[in-house]
Amino acid sequence: MATKKAKKPEAQLKNNLEKVKDSAVKTGKKYKETATDYVKDLYEDSEKWFEKTTEDVKQTVSKINFEDGYNTVKDFSSKANKYATDTAEDVVDGAISSGEKWQAIASKAIKGGLDLAAKQQEIFFDTLESVKGQVKDGTKRTKKLFK
């Protein structure tokens, strides 16, 4: 009897394994079918999304007025160019004005320096003549002392 009982659980285990195997095969097929359907739906939806997005972009682009944008950029560029030109002119005018002031200062300094040099020259020659006169007088006195 022990042998019969042993066979029965073994047969039952085999039977259960076959059921699990069949169930796994069926589940795998269902998963495959579900995944295939999901991929198909996703592909169809992506085509719809692409078409809708393309349509939305076309509508948006058609609403854009490129001429207004061009004119705005052109006006802005013109104003920026005018500002740059005006600023450059102001800088050049300032440089010329400063140059004229420095030239006047340098001219006065040179003129004053020449006048000062002339006066120093006069003082030098006057001093030389005085010294010359004193040397002559001193020489005459020295000659009188030794005569």
C-alpha atoms as a PDB file:
ATOM      1  CA  MET A   1       0.000   0.000   0.000  1.00  0.00           C
ATOM      2  CA  ALA A   2       2.841   2.292   0.611  1.00  0.00           C
ATOM      3  CA  THR A   3       3.807   2.100  -3.021  1.00  0.00           C
ATOM      4  CA  LYS A   4       0.382   3.118  -4.207  1.00  0.00           C
ATOM      5  CA  LYS A   5       0.263   6.071  -1.890  1.00  0.00           C
ATOM      6  CA  ALA A   6       3.695   7.133  -3.065  1.00  0.00           C
ATOM      7  CA  LYS A   7       2.671   6.955  -6.704  1.00  0.00           C
ATOM      8  CA  LYS A   8      -0.432   8.950  -6.144  1.00  0.00           C
ATOM      9  CA  PRO A   9       1.330  12.059  -4.744  1.00  0.00           C
ATOM     10  CA  GLU A  10       3.949  11.755  -7.473  1.00  0.00           C
ATOM     11  CA  ALA A  11       1.271  11.666 -10.149  1.00  0.00           C
ATOM     12  CA  GLN A  12      -0.542  14.516  -8.466  1.00  0.00           C
ATOM     13  CA  LEU A  13       2.710  16.571  -8.345  1.00  0.00           C
ATOM     14  CA  LYS A  14       3.301  15.879 -12.029  1.00  0.00           C
ATOM     15  CA  ASN A  15      -0.257  16.857 -12.830  1.00  0.00           C
ATOM     16  CA  ASN A  16       0.095  20.072 -10.822  1.00  0.00           C
ATOM     17  CA  LEU A  17       3.352  20.910 -12.605  1.00  0.00           C
ATOM     18  CA  GLU A  18       1.641  20.437 -15.967  1.00  0.00           C
ATOM     19  CA  LYS A  19      -1.172  22.757 -14.866  1.00  0.00           C
ATOM     20  CA  VAL A  20       1.324  25.400 -13.706  1.00  0.00           C
ATOM     21  CA  LYS A  21       3.218  25.013 -16.994  1.00  0.00           C
ATOM     22  CA  ASP A  22       0.020  25.394 -19.055  1.00  0.00           C
ATOM     23  CA  SER A  23      -1.033  28.343 -16.935  1.00  0.00           C
ATOM     24  CA  ALA A  24       2.387  29.996 -17.432  1.00  0.00           C
ATOM     25  CA  VAL A  25       2.183  29.460 -21.211  1.00  0.00           C
ATOM     26  CA  LYS A  26      -1.341  30.946 -21.333  1.00  0.00           C
ATOM     27  CA  THR A  27      -0.302  33.890 -19.126  1.00  0.00           C
ATOM     28  CA  GLY A  28       2.750  34.502 -21.308  1.00  0.00           C
ATOM     29  CA  LYS A  29       0.572  34.513 -24.441  1.00  0.00           C
ATOM     30  CA  LYS A  30      -1.856  36.951 -22.789  1.00  0.00           C
ATOM     31  CA  TYR A  31       1.041  39.210 -21.729  1.00  0.00           C
ATOM     32  CA  LYS A  32       2.380  39.085 -25.268  1.00  0.00           C
ATOM     33  CA  GLU A  33      -1.025  39.935 -26.746  1.00  0.00           C
ATOM     34  CA  THR A  34      -1.529  42.751 -24.227  1.00  0.00           C
ATOM     35  CA  ALA A  35       1.932  44.170 -24.889  1.00  0.00           C
ATOM     36  CA  THR A  36       1.380  43.957 -28.655  1.00  0.00           C
ATOM     37  CA  ASP A  37      -1.958  45.765 -28.321  1.00  0.00           C
ATOM     38  CA  TYR A  38      -0.362  48.378 -26.079  1.00  0.00           C
ATOM     39  CA  VAL A  39       2.463  48.997 -28.572  1.00  0.00           C
ATOM     40  CA  LYS A  40      -0.065  49.285 -31.429  1.00  0.00           C
ATOM     41  CA  ASP A  41      -2.174  51.746 -29.424  1.00  0.00           C
ATOM     42  CA  LEU A  42       0.903  53.702 -28.479  1.00  0.00           C
ATOM     43  CA  TYR A  43       2.034  53.847 -32.116  1.00  0.00           C
ATOM     44  CA  GLU A  44      -1.421  54.991 -33.275  1.00  0.00           C
ATOM     45  CA  ASP A  45      -1.584  57.581 -30.494  1.00  0.00           C
ATOM     46  CA  SER A  46       1.884  58.855 -31.343  1.00  0.00           C
ATOM     47  CA  GLU A  47       0.803  59.372 -34.950  1.00  0.00           C
ATOM     48  CA  LYS A  48      -2.237  61.314 -33.701  1.00  0.00           C
ATOM     49  CA  TRP A  49      -0.050  63.360 -31.344  1.00  0.00           C
ATOM     50  CA  PHE A  50       2.385  64.074 -34.169  1.00  0.00           C
ATOM     51  CA  GLU A  51      -0.418  65.175 -36.487  1.00  0.00           C
ATOM     52  CA  LYS A  52      -2.002  67.362 -33.775  1.00  0.00           C
ATOM     53  CA  THR A  53       1.328  68.931 -32.838  1.00  0.00           C
ATOM     54  CA  THR A  54       2.164  69.585 -36.479  1.00  0.00           C
ATOM     55  CA  GLU A  55      -1.230  71.218 -36.983  1.00  0.00           C
ATOM     56  CA  ASP A  56      -0.802  73.375 -33.844  1.00  0.00           C
ATOM     57  CA  VAL A  57       2.664  74.496 -34.939  1.00  0.00           C
ATOM     58  CA  LYS A  58       1.419  75.379 -38.428  1.00  0.00           C
ATOM     59  CA  GLN A  59      -1.422  77.438 -36.948  1.00  0.00           C
ATOM     60  CA  THR A  60       0.899  79.218 -34.550  1.00  0.00           C
ATOM     61  CA  VAL A  61       3.436  79.983 -37.283  1.00  0.00           C
ATOM     62  CA  SER A  62       0.693  81.280 -39.565  1.00  0.00           C
ATOM     63  CA  LYS A  63      -0.347  83.740 -36.822  1.00  0.00           C
ATOM     64  CA  ILE A  64       3.154  85.156 -36.501  1.00  0.00           C
ATOM     65  CA  ASN A  65       3.702  88.357 -38.441  1.00  0.00           C
ATOM     66  CA  PHE A  66       7.340  88.170 -39.458  1.00  0.00           C
ATOM     67  CA  GLU A  67       7.245  91.633 -40.995  1.00  0.00           C
ATOM     68  CA  ASP A  68       6.433  93.203 -37.624  1.00  0.00           C
ATOM     69  CA  GLY A  69       9.328  91.303 -36.060  1.00  0.00           C
ATOM     70  CA  TYR A  70      11.630  92.393 -38.867  1.00  0.00           C
ATOM     71  CA  ASN A  71      10.541  96.021 -38.488  1.00  0.00           C
ATOM     72  CA  THR A  72      11.031  95.862 -34.721  1.00  0.00           C
ATOM     73  CA  VAL A  73      14.552  94.490 -35.120  1.00  0.00           C
ATOM     74  CA  LYS A  74      15.295  97.055 -37.810  1.00  0.00           C
ATOM     75  CA  ASP A  75      14.062  99.941 -35.617  1.00  0.00           C
ATOM     76  CA  PHE A  76      16.023  98.683 -32.624  1.00  0.00           C
ATOM     77  CA  SER A  77      19.173  98.309 -34.731  1.00  0.00           C
ATOM     78  CA  SER A  78      18.711 101.800 -36.147  1.00  0.00           C
ATOM     79  CA  LYS A  79      18.316 103.310 -32.662  1.00  0.00           C
ATOM     80  CA  ALA A  80      21.348 101.417 -31.367  1.00  0.00           C
ATOM     81  CA  ASN A  81      23.410 102.583 -34.343  1.00  0.00           C
ATOM     82  CA  LYS A  82      22.305 106.214 -33.842  1.00  0.00           C
ATOM     83  CA  TYR A  83      23.160 106.025 -30.141  1.00  0.00           C
ATOM     84  CA  ALA A  84      26.603 104.584 -30.938  1.00  0.00           C
ATOM     85  CA  THR A  85      27.226 107.307 -33.536  1.00  0.00           C
ATOM     86  CA  ASP A  86      26.092 110.098 -31.193  1.00  0.00           C
ATOM     87  CA  THR A  87      28.221 108.728 -28.377  1.00  0.00           C
ATOM     88  CA  ALA A  88      31.251 108.477 -30.661  1.00  0.00           C
ATOM     89  CA  GLU A  89      30.720 112.070 -31.786  1.00  0.00           C
ATOM     90  CA  ASP A  90      30.470 113.207 -28.143  1.00  0.00           C
ATOM     91  CA  VAL A  91      33.697 111.404 -27.306  1.00  0.00           C
ATOM     92  CA  VAL A  92      35.504 112.936 -30.287  1.00  0.00           C
ATOM     93  CA  ASP A  93      34.150 116.414 -29.471  1.00  0.00           C
ATOM     94  CA  GLY A  94      35.253 116.000 -25.846  1.00  0.00           C
ATOM     95  CA  ALA A  95      38.712 114.876 -26.944  1.00  0.00           C
ATOM     96  CA  ILE A  96      39.064 117.876 -29.293  1.00  0.00           C
ATOM     97  CA  SER A  97      37.868 120.275 -26.584  1.00  0.00           C
ATOM     98  CA  SER A  98      40.289 118.817 -24.045  1.00  0.00           C
ATOM     99  CA  GLY A  99      43.078 118.906 -26.617  1.00  0.00           C
ATOM    100  CA  GLU A 100      42.407 122.588 -27.298  1.00  0.00           C
ATOM    101  CA  LYS A 101      42.477 123.392 -23.555  1.00  0.00           C
ATOM    102  CA  TRP A 102      45.741 121.507 -23.070  1.00  0.00           C
ATOM    103  CA  GLN A 103      47.207 123.184 -26.126  1.00  0.00           C
ATOM    104  CA  ALA A 104      46.320 126.620 -24.677  1.00  0.00           C
ATOM    105  CA  ILE A 105      47.841 125.656 -21.318  1.00  0.00           C
ATOM    106  CA  ALA A 106      50.988 124.370 -22.998  1.00  0.00           C
ATOM    107  CA  SER A 107      51.224 127.528 -25.107  1.00  0.00           C
ATOM    108  CA  LYS A 108      50.971 129.705 -21.988  1.00  0.00           C
ATOM    109  CA  ALA A 109      53.528 127.546 -20.219  1.00  0.00           C
ATOM    110  CA  ILE A 110      55.953 127.793 -23.137  1.00  0.00           C
ATOM    111  CA  LYS A 111      55.433 131.557 -23.475  1.00  0.00           C
ATOM    112  CA  GLY A 112      55.864 132.031 -19.744  1.00  0.00           C
ATOM    113  CA  GLY A 113      58.928 129.804 -19.806  1.00  0.00           C
ATOM    114  CA  LEU A 114      60.460 131.832 -22.642  1.00  0.00           C
ATOM    115  CA  ASP A 115      59.713 135.112 -20.819  1.00  0.00           C
ATOM    116  CA  LEU A 116      61.282 133.700 -17.657  1.00  0.00           C
ATOM    117  CA  ALA A 117      64.338 132.504 -19.605  1.00  0.00           C
ATOM    118  CA  ALA A 118      64.712 135.944 -21.180  1.00  0.00           C
ATOM    119  CA  LYS A 119      64.532 137.641 -17.754  1.00  0.00           C
ATOM    120  CA  GLN A 120      67.006 135.165 -16.291  1.00  0.00           C
ATOM    121  CA  GLN A 121      69.315 135.834 -19.219  1.00  0.00           C
ATOM    122  CA  GLU A 122      69.066 139.600 -18.645  1.00  0.00           C
ATOM    123  CA  ILE A 123      69.776 139.147 -14.934  1.00  0.00           C
ATOM    124  CA  PHE A 124      72.744 136.913 -15.748  1.00  0.00           C
ATOM    125  CA  PHE A 125      74.306 139.418 -18.155  1.00  0.00           C
ATOM    126  CA  ASP A 126      73.586 142.336 -15.793  1.00  0.00           C
ATOM    127  CA  THR A 127      75.302 140.376 -13.008  1.00  0.00           C
ATOM    128  CA  LEU A 128      78.235 139.587 -15.302  1.00  0.00           C
ATOM    129  CA  GLU A 129      78.624 143.290 -16.157  1.00  0.00           C
ATOM    130  CA  SER A 130      78.473 144.211 -12.470  1.00  0.00           C
ATOM    131  CA  VAL A 131      81.080 141.593 -11.630  1.00  0.00           C
ATOM    132  CA  LYS A 132      83.191 142.808 -14.566  1.00  0.00           C
ATOM    133  CA  GLY A 133      82.976 146.361 -13.254  1.00  0.00           C
ATOM    134  CA  GLN A 134      83.849 145.234  -9.722  1.00  0.00           C
ATOM    135  CA  VAL A 135      86.773 143.186 -11.010  1.00  0.00           C
ATOM    136  CA  LYS A 136      88.089 146.229 -12.963  1.00  0.00           C
ATOM    137  CA  ASP A 137      87.711 148.457  -9.912  1.00  0.00           C
ATOM    138  CA  GLY A 138      89.334 145.811  -7.737  1.00  0.00           C
ATOM    139  CA  THR A 139      92.193 145.440 -10.189  1.00  0.00           C
ATOM    140  CA  LYS A 140      92.789 149.202 -10.242  1.00  0.00           C
ATOM    141  CA  ARG A 141      92.847 149.347  -6.453  1.00  0.00           C
ATOM    142  CA  THR A 142      95.182 146.393  -6.226  1.00  0.00           C
ATOM    143  CA  LYS A 143      97.554 148.035  -8.720  1.00  0.00           C
ATOM    144  CA  LYS A 144      97.541 151.238  -6.657  1.00  0.00           C
ATOM    145  CA  LEU A 145      98.356 149.304  -3.527  1.00  0.00           C
ATOM    146  CA  PHE A 146     101.352 147.595  -5.098  1.00  0.00           C
ATOM    147  CA  LYS A 147     102.757 150.669  -6.903  1.00  0.00           C
END
